[in-house]
Amino acid sequence: MYALEAEGLKKVYPNFTLGGISFAVEAGQIAGLIGRNGAGKSTALKSIMRLVSSQGTVKVFGKDFSQEEGEVKELIGYVGGGFRFYLNKSLASIARAVAGFYPHWEEEMFRRCCDEYSLVLSKRVRELSEGMKIKFSLALALSHGAKLLLLDEPTSGLEPSRGKISAIRSSL
């Protein structure tokens, strides 16, 4: 079974077109989109997540994203490029809001990720470095029982020598 199937994804911007790409990733596999800056990697991920209007079909574990959007979004942990949460809100308040969208939210996993990533839940988003924002996004993505992780430049701003992210994921 495929974890992710994309067929004919196409997004047209005034100066760029993501032209009808198709691919499939089997369950249990790791895949990456590799290309130069501006090649359309982020656009492809945003199209998959229905964050931008685009043509084509997307299936996650056999479920058609356009027909079963709620169920499909529960299956995906998504970390997008750039952090777009409310800058004046605390991490704890954002986590409470996000948890409300996921019936299978795992508070213990969220707390464990926050501890491993040295995230202080009373801090406001504006007080975080870019790397800490990514860690917070990862904590959210890993904490609702997602079966598929879609990550857009998830290591941007992180210190690579600490090994904390792989330690959390390997213990799931």
C-alpha atoms as a PDB file:
ATOM      1  CA  MET A   1       0.000   0.000   0.000  1.00  0.00           C
ATOM      2  CA  TYR A   2       1.094   3.512  -0.719  1.00  0.00           C
ATOM      3  CA  ALA A   3       1.347   6.010   2.107  1.00  0.00           C
ATOM      4  CA  LEU A   4       1.195   8.860  -0.412  1.00  0.00           C
ATOM      5  CA  GLU A   5       0.133   9.022  -4.047  1.00  0.00           C
ATOM      6  CA  ALA A   6       0.191  12.212  -6.080  1.00  0.00           C
ATOM      7  CA  GLU A   7      -1.124  12.197  -9.626  1.00  0.00           C
ATOM      8  CA  GLY A   8      -0.831  15.136 -11.998  1.00  0.00           C
ATOM      9  CA  LEU A   9      -0.131  17.824  -9.378  1.00  0.00           C
ATOM     10  CA  LYS A  10      -0.079  21.164 -11.167  1.00  0.00           C
ATOM     11  CA  LYS A  11       0.048  24.683  -9.761  1.00  0.00           C
ATOM     12  CA  VAL A  12       0.336  27.777 -11.936  1.00  0.00           C
ATOM     13  CA  TYR A  13       1.743  31.027 -10.566  1.00  0.00           C
ATOM     14  CA  PRO A  14       2.378  34.122 -12.708  1.00  0.00           C
ATOM     15  CA  ASN A  15       6.122  33.354 -13.008  1.00  0.00           C
ATOM     16  CA  PHE A  16       6.264  29.650 -12.215  1.00  0.00           C
ATOM     17  CA  THR A  17       4.401  26.448 -13.027  1.00  0.00           C
ATOM     18  CA  LEU A  18       4.649  23.190 -11.138  1.00  0.00           C
ATOM     19  CA  GLY A  19       3.875  20.978 -14.077  1.00  0.00           C
ATOM     20  CA  GLY A  20       1.810  17.864 -13.546  1.00  0.00           C
ATOM     21  CA  ILE A  21       4.094  15.812 -11.295  1.00  0.00           C
ATOM     22  CA  SER A  22       3.176  12.302 -10.199  1.00  0.00           C
ATOM     23  CA  PHE A  23       4.795   9.988  -7.671  1.00  0.00           C
ATOM     24  CA  ALA A  24       4.021   7.410  -5.006  1.00  0.00           C
ATOM     25  CA  VAL A  25       5.711   6.538  -1.718  1.00  0.00           C
ATOM     26  CA  GLU A  26       5.173   3.127  -0.160  1.00  0.00           C
ATOM     27  CA  ALA A  27       4.204   2.852   3.487  1.00  0.00           C
ATOM     28  CA  GLY A  28       7.276   2.574   5.709  1.00  0.00           C
ATOM     29  CA  GLN A  29       9.562   4.303   3.207  1.00  0.00           C
ATOM     30  CA  ILE A  30      11.380   7.618   3.443  1.00  0.00           C
ATOM     31  CA  ALA A  31      11.411   9.831   0.358  1.00  0.00           C
ATOM     32  CA  GLY A  32      12.647  13.315  -0.368  1.00  0.00           C
ATOM     33  CA  LEU A  33      12.059  15.965  -2.979  1.00  0.00           C
ATOM     34  CA  ILE A  34      15.415  17.209  -4.174  1.00  0.00           C
ATOM     35  CA  GLY A  35      15.962  20.162  -6.463  1.00  0.00           C
ATOM     36  CA  ARG A  36      17.320  23.663  -6.784  1.00  0.00           C
ATOM     37  CA  ASN A  37      15.777  26.613  -4.985  1.00  0.00           C
ATOM     38  CA  GLY A  38      12.566  27.575  -6.735  1.00  0.00           C
ATOM     39  CA  ALA A  39      12.103  24.191  -8.389  1.00  0.00           C
ATOM     40  CA  GLY A  40       8.700  23.657  -6.752  1.00  0.00           C
ATOM     41  CA  LYS A  41       9.414  21.388  -3.767  1.00  0.00           C
ATOM     42  CA  SER A  42       7.486  23.548  -1.295  1.00  0.00           C
ATOM     43  CA  THR A  43       4.735  24.161  -3.841  1.00  0.00           C
ATOM     44  CA  ALA A  44       4.373  20.401  -4.282  1.00  0.00           C
ATOM     45  CA  LEU A  45       4.027  19.894  -0.515  1.00  0.00           C
ATOM     46  CA  LYS A  46       1.541  22.775  -0.219  1.00  0.00           C
ATOM     47  CA  SER A  47      -0.437  21.271  -3.105  1.00  0.00           C
ATOM     48  CA  ILE A  48      -0.464  17.879  -1.400  1.00  0.00           C
ATOM     49  CA  MET A  49      -1.730  19.486   1.815  1.00  0.00           C
ATOM     50  CA  ARG A  50      -4.333  21.560  -0.089  1.00  0.00           C
ATOM     51  CA  LEU A  51      -2.807  24.771   1.282  1.00  0.00           C
ATOM     52  CA  VAL A  52      -2.800  26.196  -2.243  1.00  0.00           C
ATOM     53  CA  SER A  53      -5.332  25.518  -4.958  1.00  0.00           C
ATOM     54  CA  SER A  54      -3.914  23.171  -7.550  1.00  0.00           C
ATOM     55  CA  GLN A  55      -4.880  20.490 -10.003  1.00  0.00           C
ATOM     56  CA  GLY A  56      -4.327  16.783  -9.559  1.00  0.00           C
ATOM     57  CA  THR A  57      -5.248  14.110  -7.065  1.00  0.00           C
ATOM     58  CA  VAL A  58      -3.682  13.094  -3.782  1.00  0.00           C
ATOM     59  CA  LYS A  59      -4.308   9.901  -1.853  1.00  0.00           C
ATOM     60  CA  VAL A  60      -2.996   9.104   1.615  1.00  0.00           C
ATOM     61  CA  PHE A  61      -3.159   5.431   2.567  1.00  0.00           C
ATOM     62  CA  GLY A  62      -5.715   4.974  -0.224  1.00  0.00           C
ATOM     63  CA  LYS A  63      -7.981   7.813   0.929  1.00  0.00           C
ATOM     64  CA  ASP A  64      -8.693  10.562  -1.586  1.00  0.00           C
ATOM     65  CA  PHE A  65      -7.646  13.846   0.027  1.00  0.00           C
ATOM     66  CA  SER A  66     -10.327  15.906  -1.743  1.00  0.00           C
ATOM     67  CA  GLN A  67     -13.144  13.561  -0.665  1.00  0.00           C
ATOM     68  CA  GLU A  68     -11.975  12.656   2.862  1.00  0.00           C
ATOM     69  CA  GLU A  69      -9.998  15.730   3.889  1.00  0.00           C
ATOM     70  CA  GLY A  70     -10.707  15.495   7.628  1.00  0.00           C
ATOM     71  CA  GLU A  71      -9.682  11.848   7.878  1.00  0.00           C
ATOM     72  CA  VAL A  72      -6.619  12.379   5.708  1.00  0.00           C
ATOM     73  CA  LYS A  73      -5.387  15.362   7.732  1.00  0.00           C
ATOM     74  CA  GLU A  74      -5.521  13.229  10.874  1.00  0.00           C
ATOM     75  CA  LEU A  75      -3.089  10.841   9.169  1.00  0.00           C
ATOM     76  CA  ILE A  76      -0.530  13.543   8.331  1.00  0.00           C
ATOM     77  CA  GLY A  77       1.992  15.358  10.513  1.00  0.00           C
ATOM     78  CA  TYR A  78       2.974  18.449   8.527  1.00  0.00           C
ATOM     79  CA  VAL A  79       5.807  20.893   9.156  1.00  0.00           C
ATOM     80  CA  GLY A  80       5.757  23.671   6.605  1.00  0.00           C
ATOM     81  CA  GLY A  81       8.454  26.124   5.728  1.00  0.00           C
ATOM     82  CA  GLY A  82       8.227  29.200   7.936  1.00  0.00           C
ATOM     83  CA  PHE A  83       6.349  29.439  11.196  1.00  0.00           C
ATOM     84  CA  ARG A  84       2.974  31.149  10.916  1.00  0.00           C
ATOM     85  CA  PHE A  85       1.436  30.894  14.380  1.00  0.00           C
ATOM     86  CA  TYR A  86       0.380  33.891  16.402  1.00  0.00           C
ATOM     87  CA  LEU A  87       3.559  35.548  17.631  1.00  0.00           C
ATOM     88  CA  ASN A  88       2.072  36.759  20.935  1.00  0.00           C
ATOM     89  CA  LYS A  89       0.559  33.414  21.960  1.00  0.00           C
ATOM     90  CA  SER A  90       2.306  30.997  24.289  1.00  0.00           C
ATOM     91  CA  LEU A  91       3.382  27.594  23.057  1.00  0.00           C
ATOM     92  CA  ALA A  92       0.987  26.024  25.569  1.00  0.00           C
ATOM     93  CA  SER A  93      -2.016  27.923  24.187  1.00  0.00           C
ATOM     94  CA  ILE A  94      -1.112  27.035  20.604  1.00  0.00           C
ATOM     95  CA  ALA A  95      -0.692  23.377  21.555  1.00  0.00           C
ATOM     96  CA  ARG A  96      -4.120  23.354  23.236  1.00  0.00           C
ATOM     97  CA  ALA A  97      -5.695  24.815  20.102  1.00  0.00           C
ATOM     98  CA  VAL A  98      -3.945  22.350  17.791  1.00  0.00           C
ATOM     99  CA  ALA A  99      -4.777  19.378  20.046  1.00  0.00           C
ATOM    100  CA  GLY A 100      -8.476  20.192  19.672  1.00  0.00           C
ATOM    101  CA  PHE A 101      -8.315  19.286  15.984  1.00  0.00           C
ATOM    102  CA  TYR A 102      -6.951  15.786  16.603  1.00  0.00           C
ATOM    103  CA  PRO A 103      -9.030  13.126  18.375  1.00  0.00           C
ATOM    104  CA  HIS A 104      -5.879  11.021  18.865  1.00  0.00           C
ATOM    105  CA  TRP A 105      -3.734  13.786  20.377  1.00  0.00           C
ATOM    106  CA  GLU A 106      -0.979  12.278  22.543  1.00  0.00           C
ATOM    107  CA  GLU A 107      -0.264  14.779  25.315  1.00  0.00           C
ATOM    108  CA  GLU A 108       2.451  12.572  26.799  1.00  0.00           C
ATOM    109  CA  MET A 109       4.283  12.444  23.455  1.00  0.00           C
ATOM    110  CA  PHE A 110       3.939  16.212  23.077  1.00  0.00           C
ATOM    111  CA  ARG A 111       5.387  16.821  26.551  1.00  0.00           C
ATOM    112  CA  ARG A 112       8.214  14.370  25.878  1.00  0.00           C
ATOM    113  CA  CYS A 113       9.102  16.142  22.625  1.00  0.00           C
ATOM    114  CA  CYS A 114       9.017  19.527  24.378  1.00  0.00           C
ATOM    115  CA  ASP A 115      11.329  18.220  27.101  1.00  0.00           C
ATOM    116  CA  GLU A 116      13.757  16.716  24.572  1.00  0.00           C
ATOM    117  CA  TYR A 117      13.742  19.876  22.457  1.00  0.00           C
ATOM    118  CA  SER A 118      14.087  22.168  25.522  1.00  0.00           C
ATOM    119  CA  LEU A 119      10.855  23.978  24.699  1.00  0.00           C
ATOM    120  CA  VAL A 120       9.401  26.123  27.487  1.00  0.00           C
ATOM    121  CA  LEU A 121       5.628  26.084  27.028  1.00  0.00           C
ATOM    122  CA  SER A 122       5.118  29.412  28.792  1.00  0.00           C
ATOM    123  CA  LYS A 123       7.247  31.199  26.166  1.00  0.00           C
ATOM    124  CA  ARG A 124       5.584  33.166  23.415  1.00  0.00           C
ATOM    125  CA  VAL A 125       6.347  32.396  19.779  1.00  0.00           C
ATOM    126  CA  ARG A 126       8.046  35.771  19.310  1.00  0.00           C
ATOM    127  CA  GLU A 127      10.613  34.752  21.956  1.00  0.00           C
ATOM    128  CA  LEU A 128      11.760  31.686  20.006  1.00  0.00           C
ATOM    129  CA  SER A 129      14.658  31.371  17.598  1.00  0.00           C
ATOM    130  CA  GLU A 130      13.897  30.004  14.146  1.00  0.00           C
ATOM    131  CA  GLY A 131      15.317  26.637  15.193  1.00  0.00           C
ATOM    132  CA  MET A 132      13.099  26.499  18.275  1.00  0.00           C
ATOM    133  CA  LYS A 133      10.067  27.287  16.115  1.00  0.00           C
ATOM    134  CA  ILE A 134      10.946  24.300  13.931  1.00  0.00           C
ATOM    135  CA  LYS A 135      11.292  22.108  17.018  1.00  0.00           C
ATOM    136  CA  PHE A 136       7.876  23.262  18.228  1.00  0.00           C
ATOM    137  CA  SER A 137       6.365  22.464  14.817  1.00  0.00           C
ATOM    138  CA  LEU A 138       7.950  19.010  14.946  1.00  0.00           C
ATOM    139  CA  ALA A 139       6.578  18.430  18.450  1.00  0.00           C
ATOM    140  CA  LEU A 140       3.088  19.273  17.195  1.00  0.00           C
ATOM    141  CA  ALA A 141       3.461  17.081  14.097  1.00  0.00           C
ATOM    142  CA  LEU A 142       4.675  14.085  16.104  1.00  0.00           C
ATOM    143  CA  SER A 143       1.977  14.299  18.778  1.00  0.00           C
ATOM    144  CA  HIS A 144      -1.255  13.228  17.155  1.00  0.00           C
ATOM    145  CA  GLY A 145      -0.514   9.730  15.948  1.00  0.00           C
ATOM    146  CA  ALA A 146       0.270  10.730  12.362  1.00  0.00           C
ATOM    147  CA  LYS A 147       1.029   7.861  10.004  1.00  0.00           C
ATOM    148  CA  LEU A 148       2.732  10.103   7.426  1.00  0.00           C
ATOM    149  CA  LEU A 149       5.123  12.980   8.073  1.00  0.00           C
ATOM    150  CA  LEU A 150       5.468  15.711   5.443  1.00  0.00           C
ATOM    151  CA  LEU A 151       8.352  18.001   6.288  1.00  0.00           C
ATOM    152  CA  ASP A 152       9.355  21.098   4.324  1.00  0.00           C
ATOM    153  CA  GLU A 153      12.958  21.912   5.260  1.00  0.00           C
ATOM    154  CA  PRO A 154      12.531  20.641   8.832  1.00  0.00           C
ATOM    155  CA  THR A 155      16.201  20.923   9.757  1.00  0.00           C
ATOM    156  CA  SER A 156      16.510  24.573   8.770  1.00  0.00           C
ATOM    157  CA  GLY A 157      17.820  26.475  11.793  1.00  0.00           C
ATOM    158  CA  LEU A 158      18.497  23.374  13.911  1.00  0.00           C
ATOM    159  CA  GLU A 159      21.807  22.452  15.483  1.00  0.00           C
ATOM    160  CA  PRO A 160      22.698  19.186  13.713  1.00  0.00           C
ATOM    161  CA  SER A 161      25.056  17.765  16.345  1.00  0.00           C
ATOM    162  CA  ARG A 162      22.517  17.296  19.150  1.00  0.00           C
ATOM    163  CA  GLY A 163      20.682  14.291  17.719  1.00  0.00           C
ATOM    164  CA  LYS A 164      17.495  14.998  19.712  1.00  0.00           C
ATOM    165  CA  ILE A 165      15.058  14.774  16.810  1.00  0.00           C
ATOM    166  CA  SER A 166      16.163  11.328  15.683  1.00  0.00           C
ATOM    167  CA  ALA A 167      16.122  10.139  19.297  1.00  0.00           C
ATOM    168  CA  ILE A 168      12.451  11.070  19.700  1.00  0.00           C
ATOM    169  CA  ARG A 169      11.378   9.563  16.400  1.00  0.00           C
ATOM    170  CA  SER A 170      13.237   6.294  16.974  1.00  0.00           C
ATOM    171  CA  SER A 171      11.487   5.811  20.298  1.00  0.00           C
ATOM    172  CA  LEU A 172       7.954   5.932  18.802  1.00  0.00           C
END
